[in-house]
Amino acid sequence: MEQLTVNNKKIAAKLNCLARVGLKVVECHVNFRRPVIEVEAPLQDWVKGAVEITETRNGIKRTVKMTIWHGAHIIWC
């Protein structure tokens, strides 16, 4: 996992949990009520409950999949 600066112990614990199972965290946004964590690939259990959403980043729209895990939005392509 890259060095992500997180000052919140609860969010840092979630990121460490994802790192322990071997997921690579791409980005983490903690400015929202529920943190948004972007990972490269999902866990198998997340796929069945995922929903497709449209994300706009730098004016470019793309479809990503999202699920809620331990109070955080988990997003992957």
N, C-alpha and C. Protein backbone atom coordinates (compact mmCIF):
# COMPACT_ATOMS: atom_id res chain seq x y z
N MET A 1 0.84 -1.18 0.00
CA MET A 1 0.00 0.00 0.00
C MET A 1 0.89 1.23 0.00
N GLU A 2 0.49 2.21 -0.76
CA GLU A 2 1.22 3.46 -0.79
C GLU A 2 1.07 4.16 0.56
N GLN A 3 1.90 5.15 0.79
CA GLN A 3 1.82 5.92 2.02
C GLN A 3 0.69 6.94 1.89
N LEU A 4 -0.44 6.67 2.52
CA LEU A 4 -1.56 7.58 2.53
C LEU A 4 -1.59 8.26 3.90
N THR A 5 -1.70 9.58 3.90
CA THR A 5 -1.73 10.32 5.15
C THR A 5 -3.16 10.35 5.67
N VAL A 6 -3.40 9.63 6.76
CA VAL A 6 -4.73 9.58 7.37
C VAL A 6 -4.56 9.85 8.86
N ASN A 7 -5.22 10.89 9.35
CA ASN A 7 -5.10 11.25 10.76
C ASN A 7 -6.19 10.64 11.62
N ASN A 8 -7.17 9.99 11.00
CA ASN A 8 -8.28 9.40 11.73
C ASN A 8 -7.97 7.93 11.99
N LYS A 9 -7.99 7.51 13.25
CA LYS A 9 -7.62 6.14 13.61
C LYS A 9 -8.61 5.12 13.06
N LYS A 10 -9.90 5.46 13.01
CA LYS A 10 -10.90 4.51 12.50
C LYS A 10 -10.68 4.25 11.01
N ILE A 11 -10.40 5.29 10.25
CA ILE A 11 -10.18 5.12 8.81
C ILE A 11 -8.85 4.43 8.56
N ALA A 12 -7.84 4.75 9.34
CA ALA A 12 -6.55 4.08 9.20
C ALA A 12 -6.69 2.58 9.48
N ALA A 13 -7.54 2.21 10.43
CA ALA A 13 -7.76 0.79 10.72
C ALA A 13 -8.42 0.09 9.54
N LYS A 14 -9.36 0.77 8.88
CA LYS A 14 -10.01 0.18 7.69
C LYS A 14 -9.01 -0.01 6.56
N LEU A 15 -8.14 0.98 6.36
CA LEU A 15 -7.13 0.88 5.30
C LEU A 15 -6.14 -0.24 5.61
N ASN A 16 -5.76 -0.38 6.87
CA ASN A 16 -4.85 -1.47 7.25
C ASN A 16 -5.50 -2.83 7.05
N CYS A 17 -6.79 -2.93 7.32
CA CYS A 17 -7.52 -4.18 7.12
C CYS A 17 -7.53 -4.55 5.64
N LEU A 18 -7.75 -3.57 4.77
CA LEU A 18 -7.72 -3.83 3.32
C LEU A 18 -6.33 -4.24 2.87
N ALA A 19 -5.31 -3.63 3.43
CA ALA A 19 -3.94 -3.97 3.06
C ALA A 19 -3.57 -5.38 3.52
N ARG A 20 -4.08 -5.79 4.67
CA ARG A 20 -3.78 -7.14 5.18
C ARG A 20 -4.34 -8.24 4.29
N VAL A 21 -5.49 -7.99 3.65
CA VAL A 21 -6.07 -9.01 2.77
C VAL A 21 -5.51 -8.92 1.35
N GLY A 22 -4.62 -7.97 1.11
CA GLY A 22 -3.93 -7.90 -0.17
C GLY A 22 -4.51 -6.95 -1.19
N LEU A 23 -5.44 -6.08 -0.78
CA LEU A 23 -6.01 -5.12 -1.72
C LEU A 23 -5.16 -3.86 -1.76
N LYS A 24 -5.00 -3.33 -2.96
CA LYS A 24 -4.23 -2.10 -3.12
C LYS A 24 -5.20 -0.92 -3.11
N VAL A 25 -5.00 -0.01 -2.18
CA VAL A 25 -5.83 1.18 -2.07
C VAL A 25 -5.25 2.25 -2.99
N VAL A 26 -6.07 2.73 -3.93
CA VAL A 26 -5.62 3.73 -4.89
C VAL A 26 -5.79 5.13 -4.32
N GLU A 27 -6.98 5.42 -3.79
CA GLU A 27 -7.26 6.74 -3.22
C GLU A 27 -8.16 6.60 -2.01
N CYS A 28 -8.10 7.61 -1.16
CA CYS A 28 -8.96 7.64 0.02
C CYS A 28 -9.40 9.09 0.24
N HIS A 29 -10.71 9.32 0.25
CA HIS A 29 -11.26 10.65 0.49
C HIS A 29 -12.04 10.61 1.80
N VAL A 30 -11.62 11.41 2.75
CA VAL A 30 -12.25 11.40 4.08
C VAL A 30 -13.05 12.67 4.35
N ASN A 31 -13.30 13.48 3.34
CA ASN A 31 -14.00 14.75 3.52
C ASN A 31 -15.51 14.58 3.62
N PHE A 32 -16.02 13.39 3.37
CA PHE A 32 -17.45 13.16 3.35
C PHE A 32 -17.90 12.47 4.63
N ARG A 33 -19.22 12.36 4.81
CA ARG A 33 -19.76 11.69 5.99
C ARG A 33 -19.30 10.24 6.04
N ARG A 34 -19.34 9.57 4.90
CA ARG A 34 -18.77 8.23 4.78
C ARG A 34 -17.51 8.35 3.93
N PRO A 35 -16.40 7.84 4.39
CA PRO A 35 -15.18 7.92 3.59
C PRO A 35 -15.32 7.15 2.28
N VAL A 36 -14.66 7.62 1.24
CA VAL A 36 -14.67 6.96 -0.06
C VAL A 36 -13.28 6.39 -0.29
N ILE A 37 -13.21 5.07 -0.44
CA ILE A 37 -11.95 4.37 -0.63
C ILE A 37 -11.99 3.71 -1.99
N GLU A 38 -11.02 4.03 -2.84
CA GLU A 38 -10.95 3.43 -4.17
C GLU A 38 -9.87 2.36 -4.16
N VAL A 39 -10.24 1.15 -4.59
CA VAL A 39 -9.31 0.02 -4.63
C VAL A 39 -9.17 -0.46 -6.07
N GLU A 40 -8.08 -1.21 -6.35
CA GLU A 40 -7.86 -1.72 -7.70
C GLU A 40 -8.83 -2.84 -8.05
N ALA A 41 -9.04 -3.78 -7.13
CA ALA A 41 -9.92 -4.92 -7.38
C ALA A 41 -10.75 -5.19 -6.13
N PRO A 42 -11.97 -5.70 -6.29
CA PRO A 42 -12.83 -5.94 -5.13
C PRO A 42 -12.61 -7.31 -4.51
N LEU A 43 -13.13 -7.47 -3.31
CA LEU A 43 -13.23 -8.80 -2.72
C LEU A 43 -14.41 -9.51 -3.38
N GLN A 44 -14.40 -10.82 -3.39
CA GLN A 44 -15.44 -11.58 -4.07
C GLN A 44 -16.82 -11.34 -3.46
N ASP A 45 -16.90 -11.15 -2.16
CA ASP A 45 -18.18 -10.90 -1.50
C ASP A 45 -18.77 -9.55 -1.87
N TRP A 46 -17.94 -8.59 -2.23
CA TRP A 46 -18.42 -7.25 -2.57
C TRP A 46 -19.12 -7.22 -3.92
N VAL A 47 -18.77 -8.11 -4.83
CA VAL A 47 -19.26 -8.06 -6.21
C VAL A 47 -20.76 -8.29 -6.27
N LYS A 48 -21.29 -9.22 -5.47
CA LYS A 48 -22.71 -9.55 -5.57
C LYS A 48 -23.61 -8.42 -5.07
N GLY A 49 -23.16 -7.60 -4.15
CA GLY A 49 -23.98 -6.52 -3.63
C GLY A 49 -23.64 -5.15 -4.19
N ALA A 50 -22.83 -5.12 -5.24
CA ALA A 50 -22.36 -3.84 -5.79
C ALA A 50 -23.40 -3.19 -6.69
N VAL A 51 -23.35 -1.88 -6.76
CA VAL A 51 -24.19 -1.12 -7.68
C VAL A 51 -23.28 -0.32 -8.61
N GLU A 52 -23.78 -0.06 -9.81
CA GLU A 52 -23.00 0.74 -10.76
C GLU A 52 -23.38 2.21 -10.59
N ILE A 53 -22.37 3.06 -10.53
CA ILE A 53 -22.59 4.49 -10.44
C ILE A 53 -21.74 5.18 -11.51
N THR A 54 -22.12 6.39 -11.86
CA THR A 54 -21.35 7.18 -12.81
C THR A 54 -20.53 8.19 -12.02
N GLU A 55 -19.23 8.15 -12.23
CA GLU A 55 -18.31 9.04 -11.53
C GLU A 55 -17.76 10.05 -12.53
N THR A 56 -17.73 11.32 -12.14
CA THR A 56 -17.16 12.35 -12.99
C THR A 56 -15.89 12.86 -12.33
N ARG A 57 -14.79 12.73 -13.04
CA ARG A 57 -13.50 13.18 -12.53
C ARG A 57 -12.80 13.96 -13.63
N ASN A 58 -12.48 15.21 -13.37
CA ASN A 58 -11.83 16.09 -14.34
C ASN A 58 -12.64 16.20 -15.63
N GLY A 59 -13.95 16.21 -15.50
CA GLY A 59 -14.83 16.35 -16.66
C GLY A 59 -15.04 15.08 -17.45
N ILE A 60 -14.47 13.98 -17.02
CA ILE A 60 -14.60 12.70 -17.73
C ILE A 60 -15.51 11.80 -16.91
N LYS A 61 -16.58 11.29 -17.56
CA LYS A 61 -17.51 10.40 -16.88
C LYS A 61 -17.10 8.96 -17.13
N ARG A 62 -17.19 8.14 -16.09
CA ARG A 62 -16.92 6.71 -16.23
C ARG A 62 -17.83 5.95 -15.27
N THR A 63 -18.11 4.72 -15.61
CA THR A 63 -18.96 3.88 -14.78
C THR A 63 -18.08 3.04 -13.86
N VAL A 64 -18.36 3.09 -12.58
CA VAL A 64 -17.61 2.31 -11.59
C VAL A 64 -18.62 1.53 -10.75
N LYS A 65 -18.12 0.57 -10.01
CA LYS A 65 -18.97 -0.21 -9.11
C LYS A 65 -18.66 0.22 -7.68
N MET A 66 -19.72 0.20 -6.84
CA MET A 66 -19.56 0.67 -5.47
C MET A 66 -20.33 -0.24 -4.52
N THR A 67 -19.78 -0.41 -3.34
CA THR A 67 -20.46 -1.10 -2.25
C THR A 67 -20.11 -0.40 -0.95
N ILE A 68 -20.89 -0.68 0.08
CA ILE A 68 -20.62 -0.10 1.40
C ILE A 68 -20.03 -1.20 2.27
N TRP A 69 -18.89 -0.92 2.87
CA TRP A 69 -18.18 -1.89 3.71
C TRP A 69 -17.74 -1.19 4.99
N HIS A 70 -18.23 -1.63 6.11
CA HIS A 70 -17.88 -1.07 7.43
C HIS A 70 -18.02 0.45 7.48
N GLY A 71 -19.10 0.96 6.90
CA GLY A 71 -19.36 2.39 6.96
C GLY A 71 -18.58 3.24 5.97
N ALA A 72 -17.94 2.62 4.98
CA ALA A 72 -17.19 3.36 3.97
C ALA A 72 -17.65 2.94 2.58
N HIS A 73 -17.65 3.87 1.65
CA HIS A 73 -17.94 3.55 0.26
C HIS A 73 -16.68 2.98 -0.37
N ILE A 74 -16.76 1.79 -0.93
CA ILE A 74 -15.64 1.17 -1.61
C ILE A 74 -15.94 1.20 -3.10
N ILE A 75 -15.03 1.78 -3.90
CA ILE A 75 -15.23 1.95 -5.34
C ILE A 75 -14.12 1.23 -6.09
N TRP A 76 -14.49 0.57 -7.19
CA TRP A 76 -13.52 -0.04 -8.10
C TRP A 76 -14.08 0.02 -9.50
N CYS A 77 -13.22 -0.18 -10.48
CA CYS A 77 -13.65 -0.12 -11.89
C CYS A 77 -14.19 -1.44 -12.36
